[in-house]
Amino acid sequence: MVMEERVSRLEGAYEQVDRRLSDLHQSVQSLREESRQSTESLRQEMVQNRAEINSRIILLFLMVGGIWATIVGGLIALFLKL
């Protein structure tokens, strides 16, 4: 093989490596973007779930407080009647 043929082969191989690295770079960038979007989506979902949980806890406290007030009021009424 002549030196020019070897250099030509090396140049072709270099171009292939360069294209493959470019494709790999694009794939990594795409994966990063998908990961970022997924993370942002999860954050939004967590915020919504936290708000829903907080509202349910407040409702639960209100219900328990109302039941407790009703029971205490009933007991006071019973003791005052005696």
C-alpha atoms as a PDB file:
ATOM      1  CA  MET A   1       0.000   0.000   0.000  1.00  0.00           C
ATOM      2  CA  VAL A   2       1.182   3.408  -0.875  1.00  0.00           C
ATOM      3  CA  MET A   3       1.417   6.099   1.771  1.00  0.00           C
ATOM      4  CA  GLU A   4      -1.283   8.169   0.045  1.00  0.00           C
ATOM      5  CA  GLU A   5      -3.755   5.276   0.254  1.00  0.00           C
ATOM      6  CA  ARG A   6      -3.075   4.860   3.957  1.00  0.00           C
ATOM      7  CA  VAL A   7      -3.538   8.563   4.583  1.00  0.00           C
ATOM      8  CA  SER A   8      -6.730   8.489   2.535  1.00  0.00           C
ATOM      9  CA  ARG A   9      -8.071   5.574   4.628  1.00  0.00           C
ATOM     10  CA  LEU A  10      -7.163   7.368   7.819  1.00  0.00           C
ATOM     11  CA  GLU A  11      -8.929  10.512   6.636  1.00  0.00           C
ATOM     12  CA  GLY A  12     -12.055   8.474   5.826  1.00  0.00           C
ATOM     13  CA  ALA A  13     -11.956   6.791   9.207  1.00  0.00           C
ATOM     14  CA  TYR A  14     -11.491  10.167  10.884  1.00  0.00           C
ATOM     15  CA  GLU A  15     -14.558  11.556   9.077  1.00  0.00           C
ATOM     16  CA  GLN A  16     -16.606   8.559  10.220  1.00  0.00           C
ATOM     17  CA  VAL A  17     -15.470   9.031  13.817  1.00  0.00           C
ATOM     18  CA  ASP A  18     -16.272  12.719  13.580  1.00  0.00           C
ATOM     19  CA  ARG A  19     -19.813  11.982  12.306  1.00  0.00           C
ATOM     20  CA  ARG A  20     -20.378   9.351  14.979  1.00  0.00           C
ATOM     21  CA  LEU A  21     -19.210  11.711  17.705  1.00  0.00           C
ATOM     22  CA  SER A  22     -21.517  14.388  16.343  1.00  0.00           C
ATOM     23  CA  ASP A  23     -24.445  11.943  16.394  1.00  0.00           C
ATOM     24  CA  LEU A  24     -23.524  10.885  19.916  1.00  0.00           C
ATOM     25  CA  HIS A  25     -23.356  14.515  21.009  1.00  0.00           C
ATOM     26  CA  GLN A  26     -26.821  15.160  19.584  1.00  0.00           C
ATOM     27  CA  SER A  27     -28.174  12.059  21.327  1.00  0.00           C
ATOM     28  CA  VAL A  28     -26.737  13.175  24.664  1.00  0.00           C
ATOM     29  CA  GLN A  29     -28.197  16.664  24.214  1.00  0.00           C
ATOM     30  CA  SER A  30     -31.584  15.156  23.407  1.00  0.00           C
ATOM     31  CA  LEU A  31     -31.413  12.914  26.450  1.00  0.00           C
ATOM     32  CA  ARG A  32     -30.519  15.872  28.671  1.00  0.00           C
ATOM     33  CA  GLU A  33     -33.478  17.853  27.342  1.00  0.00           C
ATOM     34  CA  GLU A  34     -35.864  14.948  27.914  1.00  0.00           C
ATOM     35  CA  SER A  35     -34.498  14.525  31.428  1.00  0.00           C
ATOM     36  CA  ARG A  36     -34.930  18.239  32.153  1.00  0.00           C
ATOM     37  CA  GLN A  37     -38.516  18.198  30.872  1.00  0.00           C
ATOM     38  CA  SER A  38     -39.315  15.092  32.882  1.00  0.00           C
ATOM     39  CA  THR A  39     -37.859  16.617  36.038  1.00  0.00           C
ATOM     40  CA  GLU A  40     -39.833  19.824  35.540  1.00  0.00           C
ATOM     41  CA  SER A  41     -43.016  17.824  34.998  1.00  0.00           C
ATOM     42  CA  LEU A  42     -42.417  15.883  38.208  1.00  0.00           C
ATOM     43  CA  ARG A  43     -41.822  19.114  40.131  1.00  0.00           C
ATOM     44  CA  GLN A  44     -45.103  20.573  38.920  1.00  0.00           C
ATOM     45  CA  GLU A  45     -46.933  17.384  39.814  1.00  0.00           C
ATOM     46  CA  MET A  46     -45.408  17.381  43.303  1.00  0.00           C
ATOM     47  CA  VAL A  47     -46.496  20.995  43.886  1.00  0.00           C
ATOM     48  CA  GLN A  48     -50.046  20.150  42.818  1.00  0.00           C
ATOM     49  CA  ASN A  49     -50.122  17.056  45.037  1.00  0.00           C
ATOM     50  CA  ARG A  50     -48.792  18.992  48.021  1.00  0.00           C
ATOM     51  CA  ALA A  51     -51.511  21.628  47.607  1.00  0.00           C
ATOM     52  CA  GLU A  52     -54.158  18.909  47.413  1.00  0.00           C
ATOM     53  CA  ILE A  53     -52.794  17.173  50.520  1.00  0.00           C
ATOM     54  CA  ASN A  54     -52.713  20.469  52.432  1.00  0.00           C
ATOM     55  CA  SER A  55     -56.327  21.229  51.562  1.00  0.00           C
ATOM     56  CA  ARG A  56     -57.413  17.735  52.647  1.00  0.00           C
ATOM     57  CA  ILE A  57     -55.559  18.049  55.962  1.00  0.00           C
ATOM     58  CA  ILE A  58     -57.236  21.396  56.627  1.00  0.00           C
ATOM     59  CA  LEU A  59     -60.629  19.863  55.827  1.00  0.00           C
ATOM     60  CA  LEU A  60     -59.882  16.950  58.160  1.00  0.00           C
ATOM     61  CA  PHE A  61     -58.963  19.327  61.010  1.00  0.00           C
ATOM     62  CA  LEU A  62     -62.149  21.297  60.441  1.00  0.00           C
ATOM     63  CA  MET A  63     -64.255  18.149  60.545  1.00  0.00           C
ATOM     64  CA  VAL A  64     -62.547  16.825  63.685  1.00  0.00           C
ATOM     65  CA  GLY A  65     -62.873  20.254  65.318  1.00  0.00           C
ATOM     66  CA  GLY A  66     -66.565  20.403  64.465  1.00  0.00           C
ATOM     67  CA  ILE A  67     -67.180  16.913  65.834  1.00  0.00           C
ATOM     68  CA  TRP A  68     -65.221  17.733  68.998  1.00  0.00           C
ATOM     69  CA  ALA A  69     -67.168  20.992  69.511  1.00  0.00           C
ATOM     70  CA  THR A  70     -70.467  19.144  69.023  1.00  0.00           C
ATOM     71  CA  ILE A  71     -69.537  16.458  71.554  1.00  0.00           C
ATOM     72  CA  VAL A  72     -68.301  18.976  74.142  1.00  0.00           C
ATOM     73  CA  GLY A  73     -71.401  21.127  73.616  1.00  0.00           C
ATOM     74  CA  GLY A  74     -73.643  18.097  74.054  1.00  0.00           C
ATOM     75  CA  LEU A  75     -71.852  17.023  77.238  1.00  0.00           C
ATOM     76  CA  ILE A  76     -72.105  20.533  78.686  1.00  0.00           C
ATOM     77  CA  ALA A  77     -75.830  20.618  77.859  1.00  0.00           C
ATOM     78  CA  LEU A  78     -76.318  17.229  79.550  1.00  0.00           C
ATOM     79  CA  PHE A  79     -74.462  18.277  82.715  1.00  0.00           C
ATOM     80  CA  LEU A  80     -76.318  21.596  82.956  1.00  0.00           C
ATOM     81  CA  LYS A  81     -79.685  19.801  82.708  1.00  0.00           C
ATOM     82  CA  LEU A  82     -78.857  17.547  85.627  1.00  0.00           C
END
